[in-house]
Amino acid sequence: MTARGKDSKRQAGVKDVVRAIGVALAVAAVVKELRKPSDERTWHGVVAGFVPYELRPPTIARFRERLWDPDAEHVLGPRVFGVGWTLNLGRVYALVRQAASSSDCTRASALIPRAGPGPSA
């Protein structure tokens, strides 16, 4: 077997483990909700102590809040639907713009001569 074949089998094994963990967390979230009395079920929360889950039907407002919120504190947040985290693209965009503008200011200030003593004659 070639090295490439071993690597692809190893990658497939890692993907299978990650998929199994995701399914187990989703099942745990559903079980957690079903154990509550029906009037106390919220269908969103945290499972395994730190993994967020969102099992309510997605809405446009939640989609926008989770995927495009430049003012949010965190780059990762709960998914719109499912178990785990999603990338807040709005926050990423804001951070990139902030970094670009601060580096532009740094470059611009390097081009501006500083006021200092004039040439000595």
Foldseek 3Di string as FASTA:
>chain_A
DDPVVVVVVVVVVVVVVVVVVQVVQQVQLVVVQVVDPPVPRPQWDDPPVHKTAHADDADPVLVCVQAADLPDPDQWDHDSHGIHIDGNVNVVVNVVVVVVVVVVVVVVVVVDDDDDDDDDD
